[in-house]
Amino acid sequence: MVAKLSASATRDAVWLVVDFSLPPQGLAHWRARVIHALMYGFFRIATALPARRQTPPDNLLRAHGFTLERRQEFEWGLIRADVWRRTG
């Protein structure tokens, strides 16, 4: 998806990514793991979702010429909002 959308984006495109995230350690990490397990379990049953985990888009966006400009986290790091800007 990143490859297809970035191919259509302009040279000065801005890409906003808001998604659930998994903090690296501590209580926030374990809290997020429980919430993720509940969400994925629900959506697996409700929609036949085949995914078992989230794939962070950071490396894919960098590979397609985007640079992270700003990152803000909410709810103990459970939700992350990123602004990526194409740099060339």
PDB file of N, CA and C in Angstrom:
ATOM      1  N   MET A   1       0.816  -1.181   0.000  1.00  0.00           N
ATOM      2  CA  MET A   1       0.000   0.000   0.000  1.00  0.00           C
ATOM      3  C   MET A   1       0.872   1.261   0.000  1.00  0.00           C
ATOM      4  N   VAL A   2       1.931   1.265   0.795  1.00  0.00           N
ATOM      5  CA  VAL A   2       2.806   2.441   0.855  1.00  0.00           C
ATOM      6  C   VAL A   2       3.423   2.706  -0.512  1.00  0.00           C
ATOM      7  N   ALA A   3       3.871   1.667  -1.182  1.00  0.00           N
ATOM      8  CA  ALA A   3       4.481   1.837  -2.506  1.00  0.00           C
ATOM      9  C   ALA A   3       3.489   2.432  -3.503  1.00  0.00           C
ATOM     10  N   LYS A   4       2.262   1.921  -3.500  1.00  0.00           N
ATOM     11  CA  LYS A   4       1.258   2.420  -4.452  1.00  0.00           C
ATOM     12  C   LYS A   4       0.876   3.862  -4.162  1.00  0.00           C
ATOM     13  N   LEU A   5       0.645   4.195  -2.902  1.00  0.00           N
ATOM     14  CA  LEU A   5       0.251   5.565  -2.569  1.00  0.00           C
ATOM     15  C   LEU A   5       1.397   6.544  -2.773  1.00  0.00           C
ATOM     16  N   SER A   6       2.611   6.151  -2.421  1.00  0.00           N
ATOM     17  CA  SER A   6       3.733   7.074  -2.592  1.00  0.00           C
ATOM     18  C   SER A   6       4.037   7.332  -4.067  1.00  0.00           C
ATOM     19  N   ALA A   7       3.740   6.363  -4.923  1.00  0.00           N
ATOM     20  CA  ALA A   7       3.936   6.565  -6.364  1.00  0.00           C
ATOM     21  C   ALA A   7       3.018   7.658  -6.901  1.00  0.00           C
ATOM     22  N   SER A   8       1.878   7.864  -6.246  1.00  0.00           N
ATOM     23  CA  SER A   8       0.916   8.882  -6.671  1.00  0.00           C
ATOM     24  C   SER A   8       1.114  10.205  -5.945  1.00  0.00           C
ATOM     25  N   ALA A   9       1.956  10.222  -4.938  1.00  0.00           N
ATOM     26  CA  ALA A   9       2.156  11.429  -4.133  1.00  0.00           C
ATOM     27  C   ALA A   9       3.097  12.402  -4.834  1.00  0.00           C
ATOM     28  N   THR A  10       2.904  13.677  -4.543  1.00  0.00           N
ATOM     29  CA  THR A  10       3.766  14.713  -5.118  1.00  0.00           C
ATOM     30  C   THR A  10       5.128  14.713  -4.434  1.00  0.00           C
ATOM     31  N   ARG A  11       6.068  15.464  -4.992  1.00  0.00           N
ATOM     32  CA  ARG A  11       7.427  15.524  -4.431  1.00  0.00           C
ATOM     33  C   ARG A  11       7.462  16.152  -3.047  1.00  0.00           C
ATOM     34  N   ASP A  12       6.457  16.984  -2.728  1.00  0.00           N
ATOM     35  CA  ASP A  12       6.421  17.647  -1.416  1.00  0.00           C
ATOM     36  C   ASP A  12       5.252  17.144  -0.561  1.00  0.00           C
ATOM     37  N   ALA A  13       4.872  15.901  -0.760  1.00  0.00           N
ATOM     38  CA  ALA A  13       3.716  15.326  -0.070  1.00  0.00           C
ATOM     39  C   ALA A  13       3.930  15.238   1.435  1.00  0.00           C
ATOM     40  N   VAL A  14       2.823  15.350   2.155  1.00  0.00           N
ATOM     41  CA  VAL A  14       2.802  15.151   3.602  1.00  0.00           C
ATOM     42  C   VAL A  14       1.886  13.970   3.863  1.00  0.00           C
ATOM     43  N   TRP A  15       2.348  13.046   4.689  1.00  0.00           N
ATOM     44  CA  TRP A  15       1.602  11.816   4.960  1.00  0.00           C
ATOM     45  C   TRP A  15       1.336  11.764   6.461  1.00  0.00           C
ATOM     46  N   LEU A  16       0.072  11.718   6.843  1.00  0.00           N
ATOM     47  CA  LEU A  16      -0.325  11.630   8.236  1.00  0.00           C
ATOM     48  C   LEU A  16      -0.694  10.193   8.552  1.00  0.00           C
ATOM     49  N   VAL A  17      -0.050   9.632   9.566  1.00  0.00           N
ATOM     50  CA  VAL A  17      -0.327   8.261   9.997  1.00  0.00           C
ATOM     51  C   VAL A  17      -0.780   8.316  11.455  1.00  0.00           C
ATOM     52  N   VAL A  18      -1.998   7.856  11.704  1.00  0.00           N
ATOM     53  CA  VAL A  18      -2.490   7.738  13.077  1.00  0.00           C
ATOM     54  C   VAL A  18      -2.911   6.291  13.255  1.00  0.00           C
ATOM     55  N   ASP A  19      -2.314   5.632  14.249  1.00  0.00           N
ATOM     56  CA  ASP A  19      -2.578   4.202  14.425  1.00  0.00           C
ATOM     57  C   ASP A  19      -2.261   3.807  15.857  1.00  0.00           C
ATOM     58  N   PHE A  20      -2.631   2.609  16.183  1.00  0.00           N
ATOM     59  CA  PHE A  20      -2.269   2.046  17.474  1.00  0.00           C
ATOM     60  C   PHE A  20      -0.790   1.688  17.440  1.00  0.00           C
ATOM     61  N   SER A  21      -0.143   1.761  18.587  1.00  0.00           N
ATOM     62  CA  SER A  21       1.274   1.418  18.656  1.00  0.00           C
ATOM     63  C   SER A  21       1.531   0.608  19.924  1.00  0.00           C
ATOM     64  N   LEU A  22       2.718   0.060  19.990  1.00  0.00           N
ATOM     65  CA  LEU A  22       3.124  -0.753  21.128  1.00  0.00           C
ATOM     66  C   LEU A  22       4.347  -0.108  21.776  1.00  0.00           C
ATOM     67  N   PRO A  23       4.184   0.513  22.932  1.00  0.00           N
ATOM     68  CA  PRO A  23       5.338   1.118  23.604  1.00  0.00           C
ATOM     69  C   PRO A  23       6.424   0.068  23.849  1.00  0.00           C
ATOM     70  N   PRO A  24       7.685   0.467  23.906  1.00  0.00           N
ATOM     71  CA  PRO A  24       8.781  -0.502  23.984  1.00  0.00           C
ATOM     72  C   PRO A  24       8.905  -1.257  25.299  1.00  0.00           C
ATOM     73  N   GLN A  25       8.452  -0.680  26.418  1.00  0.00           N
ATOM     74  CA  GLN A  25       8.680  -1.371  27.702  1.00  0.00           C
ATOM     75  C   GLN A  25       7.764  -0.836  28.787  1.00  0.00           C
ATOM     76  N   GLY A  26       7.825  -1.487  29.924  1.00  0.00           N
ATOM     77  CA  GLY A  26       7.127  -1.030  31.115  1.00  0.00           C
ATOM     78  C   GLY A  26       5.641  -1.345  31.132  1.00  0.00           C
ATOM     79  N   LEU A  27       4.957  -0.719  32.082  1.00  0.00           N
ATOM     80  CA  LEU A  27       3.522  -0.922  32.251  1.00  0.00           C
ATOM     81  C   LEU A  27       2.746  -0.529  30.986  1.00  0.00           C
ATOM     82  N   ALA A  28       3.158   0.552  30.326  1.00  0.00           N
ATOM     83  CA  ALA A  28       2.479   0.983  29.097  1.00  0.00           C
ATOM     84  C   ALA A  28       2.548  -0.106  28.030  1.00  0.00           C
ATOM     85  N   HIS A  29       3.676  -0.803  27.949  1.00  0.00           N
ATOM     86  CA  HIS A  29       3.840  -1.884  26.977  1.00  0.00           C
ATOM     87  C   HIS A  29       2.843  -3.014  27.251  1.00  0.00           C
ATOM     88  N   TRP A  30       2.766  -3.444  28.504  1.00  0.00           N
ATOM     89  CA  TRP A  30       1.873  -4.561  28.845  1.00  0.00           C
ATOM     90  C   TRP A  30       0.413  -4.163  28.714  1.00  0.00           C
ATOM     91  N   ARG A  31       0.096  -2.940  29.072  1.00  0.00           N
ATOM     92  CA  ARG A  31      -1.275  -2.440  28.894  1.00  0.00           C
ATOM     93  C   ARG A  31      -1.652  -2.489  27.418  1.00  0.00           C
ATOM     94  N   ALA A  32      -0.768  -1.984  26.571  1.00  0.00           N
ATOM     95  CA  ALA A  32      -1.033  -1.965  25.130  1.00  0.00           C
ATOM     96  C   ALA A  32      -1.143  -3.384  24.565  1.00  0.00           C
ATOM     97  N   ARG A  33      -0.325  -4.311  25.037  1.00  0.00           N
ATOM     98  CA  ARG A  33      -0.405  -5.707  24.559  1.00  0.00           C
ATOM     99  C   ARG A  33      -1.768  -6.310  24.846  1.00  0.00           C
ATOM    100  N   VAL A  34      -2.306  -6.065  26.035  1.00  0.00           N
ATOM    101  CA  VAL A  34      -3.633  -6.585  26.385  1.00  0.00           C
ATOM    102  C   VAL A  34      -4.693  -5.959  25.486  1.00  0.00           C
ATOM    103  N   ILE A  35      -4.626  -4.651  25.309  1.00  0.00           N
ATOM    104  CA  ILE A  35      -5.608  -3.956  24.464  1.00  0.00           C
ATOM    105  C   ILE A  35      -5.501  -4.439  23.022  1.00  0.00           C
ATOM    106  N   HIS A  36      -4.281  -4.579  22.498  1.00  0.00           N
ATOM    107  CA  HIS A  36      -4.091  -5.094  21.133  1.00  0.00           C
ATOM    108  C   HIS A  36      -4.681  -6.493  20.986  1.00  0.00           C
ATOM    109  N   ALA A  37      -4.421  -7.360  21.962  1.00  0.00           N
ATOM    110  CA  ALA A  37      -4.943  -8.730  21.895  1.00  0.00           C
ATOM    111  C   ALA A  37      -6.460  -8.728  21.854  1.00  0.00           C
ATOM    112  N   LEU A  38      -7.082  -7.892  22.656  1.00  0.00           N
ATOM    113  CA  LEU A  38      -8.548  -7.800  22.655  1.00  0.00           C
ATOM    114  C   LEU A  38      -9.074  -7.265  21.317  1.00  0.00           C
ATOM    115  N   MET A  39      -8.415  -6.223  20.801  1.00  0.00           N
ATOM    116  CA  MET A  39      -8.864  -5.637  19.520  1.00  0.00           C
ATOM    117  C   MET A  39      -8.709  -6.630  18.373  1.00  0.00           C
ATOM    118  N   TYR A  40      -7.536  -7.234  18.268  1.00  0.00           N
ATOM    119  CA  TYR A  40      -7.307  -8.185  17.174  1.00  0.00           C
ATOM    120  C   TYR A  40      -8.231  -9.389  17.295  1.00  0.00           C
ATOM    121  N   GLY A  41      -8.457  -9.861  18.518  1.00  0.00           N
ATOM    122  CA  GLY A  41      -9.386 -10.974  18.715  1.00  0.00           C
ATOM    123  C   GLY A  41     -10.794 -10.624  18.276  1.00  0.00           C
ATOM    124  N   PHE A  42     -11.262  -9.446  18.669  1.00  0.00           N
ATOM    125  CA  PHE A  42     -12.594  -9.011  18.264  1.00  0.00           C
ATOM    126  C   PHE A  42     -12.710  -8.902  16.747  1.00  0.00           C
ATOM    127  N   PHE A  43     -11.770  -8.195  16.124  1.00  0.00           N
ATOM    128  CA  PHE A  43     -11.854  -7.995  14.675  1.00  0.00           C
ATOM    129  C   PHE A  43     -11.612  -9.282  13.891  1.00  0.00           C
ATOM    130  N   ARG A  44     -10.850 -10.202  14.441  1.00  0.00           N
ATOM    131  CA  ARG A  44     -10.674 -11.503  13.792  1.00  0.00           C
ATOM    132  C   ARG A  44     -12.011 -12.227  13.707  1.00  0.00           C
ATOM    133  N   ILE A  45     -12.800 -12.162  14.793  1.00  0.00           N
ATOM    134  CA  ILE A  45     -14.112 -12.811  14.821  1.00  0.00           C
ATOM    135  C   ILE A  45     -15.130 -12.026  13.999  1.00  0.00           C
ATOM    136  N   ALA A  46     -15.162 -10.709  14.175  1.00  0.00           N
ATOM    137  CA  ALA A  46     -16.185  -9.875  13.532  1.00  0.00           C
ATOM    138  C   ALA A  46     -15.990  -9.712  12.027  1.00  0.00           C
ATOM    139  N   THR A  47     -14.727  -9.705  11.564  1.00  0.00           N
ATOM    140  CA  THR A  47     -14.481  -9.404  10.145  1.00  0.00           C
ATOM    141  C   THR A  47     -13.619 -10.437   9.435  1.00  0.00           C
ATOM    142  N   ALA A  48     -13.263 -11.509  10.114  1.00  0.00           N
ATOM    143  CA  ALA A  48     -12.352 -12.525   9.572  1.00  0.00           C
ATOM    144  C   ALA A  48     -10.983 -11.915   9.243  1.00  0.00           C
ATOM    145  N   LEU A  49     -10.559 -10.975  10.062  1.00  0.00           N
ATOM    146  CA  LEU A  49      -9.262 -10.317   9.889  1.00  0.00           C
ATOM    147  C   LEU A  49      -8.139 -11.348   9.983  1.00  0.00           C
ATOM    148  N   PRO A  50      -7.315 -11.477   8.928  1.00  0.00           N
ATOM    149  CA  PRO A  50      -6.238 -12.471   8.979  1.00  0.00           C
ATOM    150  C   PRO A  50      -5.005 -11.995   9.753  1.00  0.00           C
ATOM    151  N   ALA A  51      -4.848 -10.686   9.922  1.00  0.00           N
ATOM    152  CA  ALA A  51      -3.657 -10.146  10.579  1.00  0.00           C
ATOM    153  C   ALA A  51      -3.612 -10.554  12.044  1.00  0.00           C
ATOM    154  N   ARG A  52      -2.400 -10.826  12.501  1.00  0.00           N
ATOM    155  CA  ARG A  52      -2.196 -11.183  13.905  1.00  0.00           C
ATOM    156  C   ARG A  52      -1.399 -10.114  14.647  1.00  0.00           C
ATOM    157  N   ARG A  53      -0.800  -9.199  13.888  1.00  0.00           N
ATOM    158  CA  ARG A  53      -0.021  -8.132  14.515  1.00  0.00           C
ATOM    159  C   ARG A  53       0.046  -6.934  13.573  1.00  0.00           C
ATOM    160  N   GLN A  54       0.442  -5.830  14.140  1.00  0.00           N
ATOM    161  CA  GLN A  54       0.569  -4.584  13.397  1.00  0.00           C
ATOM    162  C   GLN A  54       1.955  -4.487  12.770  1.00  0.00           C
ATOM    163  N   THR A  55       2.036  -3.915  11.590  1.00  0.00           N
ATOM    164  CA  THR A  55       3.312  -3.683  10.937  1.00  0.00           C
ATOM    165  C   THR A  55       3.573  -2.180  10.907  1.00  0.00           C
ATOM    166  N   PRO A  56       4.518  -1.687  11.693  1.00  0.00           N
ATOM    167  CA  PRO A  56       4.814  -0.252  11.675  1.00  0.00           C
ATOM    168  C   PRO A  56       5.291   0.178  10.281  1.00  0.00           C
ATOM    169  N   PRO A  57       4.786   1.292   9.761  1.00  0.00           N
ATOM    170  CA  PRO A  57       5.126   1.712   8.395  1.00  0.00           C
ATOM    171  C   PRO A  57       6.407   2.525   8.284  1.00  0.00           C
ATOM    172  N   ASP A  58       7.096   2.773   9.393  1.00  0.00           N
ATOM    173  CA  ASP A  58       8.244   3.688   9.387  1.00  0.00           C
ATOM    174  C   ASP A  58       9.289   3.354   8.317  1.00  0.00           C
ATOM    175  N   ASN A  59       9.771   2.122   8.282  1.00  0.00           N
ATOM    176  CA  ASN A  59      10.814   1.750   7.316  1.00  0.00           C
ATOM    177  C   ASN A  59      10.311   1.849   5.879  1.00  0.00           C
ATOM    178  N   LEU A  60       9.061   1.508   5.650  1.00  0.00           N
ATOM    179  CA  LEU A  60       8.495   1.612   4.297  1.00  0.00           C
ATOM    180  C   LEU A  60       8.400   3.069   3.854  1.00  0.00           C
ATOM    181  N   LEU A  61       7.967   3.941   4.746  1.00  0.00           N
ATOM    182  CA  LEU A  61       7.872   5.361   4.392  1.00  0.00           C
ATOM    183  C   LEU A  61       9.260   5.944   4.120  1.00  0.00           C
ATOM    184  N   ARG A  62      10.232   5.605   4.950  1.00  0.00           N
ATOM    185  CA  ARG A  62      11.612   6.082   4.710  1.00  0.00           C
ATOM    186  C   ARG A  62      12.135   5.596   3.358  1.00  0.00           C
ATOM    187  N   ALA A  63      11.850   4.349   3.034  1.00  0.00           N
ATOM    188  CA  ALA A  63      12.321   3.778   1.769  1.00  0.00           C
ATOM    189  C   ALA A  63      11.702   4.475   0.558  1.00  0.00           C
ATOM    190  N   HIS A  64      10.565   5.128   0.756  1.00  0.00           N
ATOM    191  CA  HIS A  64       9.903   5.822  -0.345  1.00  0.00           C
ATOM    192  C   HIS A  64      10.085   7.340  -0.261  1.00  0.00           C
ATOM    193  N   GLY A  65      11.125   7.770   0.467  1.00  0.00           N
ATOM    194  CA  GLY A  65      11.518   9.176   0.449  1.00  0.00           C
ATOM    195  C   GLY A  65      10.845  10.069   1.469  1.00  0.00           C
ATOM    196  N   PHE A  66      10.213   9.502   2.483  1.00  0.00           N
ATOM    197  CA  PHE A  66       9.562  10.316   3.508  1.00  0.00           C
ATOM    198  C   PHE A  66      10.431  10.369   4.758  1.00  0.00           C
ATOM    199  N   THR A  67      10.373  11.498   5.442  1.00  0.00           N
ATOM    200  CA  THR A  67      11.106  11.709   6.682  1.00  0.00           C
ATOM    201  C   THR A  67      10.119  12.039   7.783  1.00  0.00           C
ATOM    202  N   LEU A  68      10.313  11.436   8.944  1.00  0.00           N
ATOM    203  CA  LEU A  68       9.441  11.714  10.079  1.00  0.00           C
ATOM    204  C   LEU A  68       9.674  13.140  10.545  1.00  0.00           C
ATOM    205  N   GLU A  69       8.627  13.942  10.515  1.00  0.00           N
ATOM    206  CA  GLU A  69       8.728  15.343  10.900  1.00  0.00           C
ATOM    207  C   GLU A  69       8.265  15.566  12.334  1.00  0.00           C
ATOM    208  N   ARG A  70       7.230  14.834  12.736  1.00  0.00           N
ATOM    209  CA  ARG A  70       6.699  15.011  14.093  1.00  0.00           C
ATOM    210  C   ARG A  70       5.970  13.748  14.523  1.00  0.00           C
ATOM    211  N   ARG A  71       6.135  13.410  15.799  1.00  0.00           N
ATOM    212  CA  ARG A  71       5.444  12.245  16.365  1.00  0.00           C
ATOM    213  C   ARG A  71       4.859  12.651  17.711  1.00  0.00           C
ATOM    214  N   GLN A  72       3.597  12.292  17.917  1.00  0.00           N
ATOM    215  CA  GLN A  72       2.952  12.559  19.194  1.00  0.00           C
ATOM    216  C   GLN A  72       2.228  11.292  19.637  1.00  0.00           C
ATOM    217  N   GLU A  73       2.357  10.962  20.911  1.00  0.00           N
ATOM    218  CA  GLU A  73       1.731   9.757  21.443  1.00  0.00           C
ATOM    219  C   GLU A  73       0.649  10.131  22.443  1.00  0.00           C
ATOM    220  N   PHE A  74      -0.369   9.273  22.503  1.00  0.00           N
ATOM    221  CA  PHE A  74      -1.506   9.472  23.391  1.00  0.00           C
ATOM    222  C   PHE A  74      -1.807   8.163  24.108  1.00  0.00           C
ATOM    223  N   GLU A  75      -2.540   8.255  25.203  1.00  0.00           N
ATOM    224  CA  GLU A  75      -2.992   7.070  25.933  1.00  0.00           C
ATOM    225  C   GLU A  75      -1.846   6.126  26.297  1.00  0.00           C
ATOM    226  N   TRP A  76      -0.829   6.674  26.960  1.00  0.00           N
ATOM    227  CA  TRP A  76       0.327   5.889  27.413  1.00  0.00           C
ATOM    228  C   TRP A  76       1.080   5.260  26.247  1.00  0.00           C
ATOM    229  N   GLY A  77       1.063   5.885  25.099  1.00  0.00           N
ATOM    230  CA  GLY A  77       1.762   5.353  23.935  1.00  0.00           C
ATOM    231  C   GLY A  77       0.956   4.364  23.120  1.00  0.00           C
ATOM    232  N   LEU A  78      -0.305   4.144  23.481  1.00  0.00           N
ATOM    233  CA  LEU A  78      -1.157   3.212  22.741  1.00  0.00           C
ATOM    234  C   LEU A  78      -1.514   3.751  21.354  1.00  0.00           C
ATOM    235  N   ILE A  79      -1.652   5.063  21.247  1.00  0.00           N
ATOM    236  CA  ILE A  79      -2.006   5.702  19.968  1.00  0.00           C
ATOM    237  C   ILE A  79      -0.883   6.650  19.588  1.00  0.00           C
ATOM    238  N   ARG A  80      -0.503   6.593  18.324  1.00  0.00           N
ATOM    239  CA  ARG A  80       0.589   7.422  17.829  1.00  0.00           C
ATOM    240  C   ARG A  80       0.123   8.178  16.587  1.00  0.00           C
ATOM    241  N   ALA A  81       0.473   9.461  16.543  1.00  0.00           N
ATOM    242  CA  ALA A  81       0.179  10.294  15.372  1.00  0.00           C
ATOM    243  C   ALA A  81       1.508  10.797  14.811  1.00  0.00           C
ATOM    244  N   ASP A  82       1.764  10.491  13.542  1.00  0.00           N
ATOM    245  CA  ASP A  82       3.010  10.888  12.878  1.00  0.00           C
ATOM    246  C   ASP A  82       2.722  11.780  11.685  1.00  0.00           C
ATOM    247  N   VAL A  83       3.598  12.739  11.475  1.00  0.00           N
ATOM    248  CA  VAL A  83       3.591  13.543  10.259  1.00  0.00           C
ATOM    249  C   VAL A  83       4.876  13.214   9.513  1.00  0.00           C
ATOM    250  N   TRP A  84       4.738  12.682   8.311  1.00  0.00           N
ATOM    251  CA  TRP A  84       5.871  12.340   7.446  1.00  0.00           C
ATOM    252  C   TRP A  84       5.856  13.292   6.246  1.00  0.00           C
ATOM    253  N   ARG A  85       7.026  13.743   5.844  1.00  0.00           N
ATOM    254  CA  ARG A  85       7.125  14.661   4.703  1.00  0.00           C
ATOM    255  C   ARG A  85       8.110  14.075   3.704  1.00  0.00           C
ATOM    256  N   ARG A  86       7.723  14.125   2.432  1.00  0.00           N
ATOM    257  CA  ARG A  86       8.631  13.667   1.383  1.00  0.00           C
ATOM    258  C   ARG A  86       9.748  14.687   1.243  1.00  0.00           C
ATOM    259  N   THR A  87      10.952  14.193   1.145  1.00  0.00           N
ATOM    260  CA  THR A  87      12.123  15.077   1.169  1.00  0.00           C
ATOM    261  C   THR A  87      12.813  15.220  -0.179  1.00  0.00           C
ATOM    262  N   GLY A  88      12.204  14.780  -1.206  1.00  0.00           N
ATOM    263  CA  GLY A  88      12.905  14.927  -2.476  1.00  0.00           C
ATOM    264  C   GLY A  88      12.026  14.582  -3.580  1.00  0.00           C
TER     265      GLY A  88
END
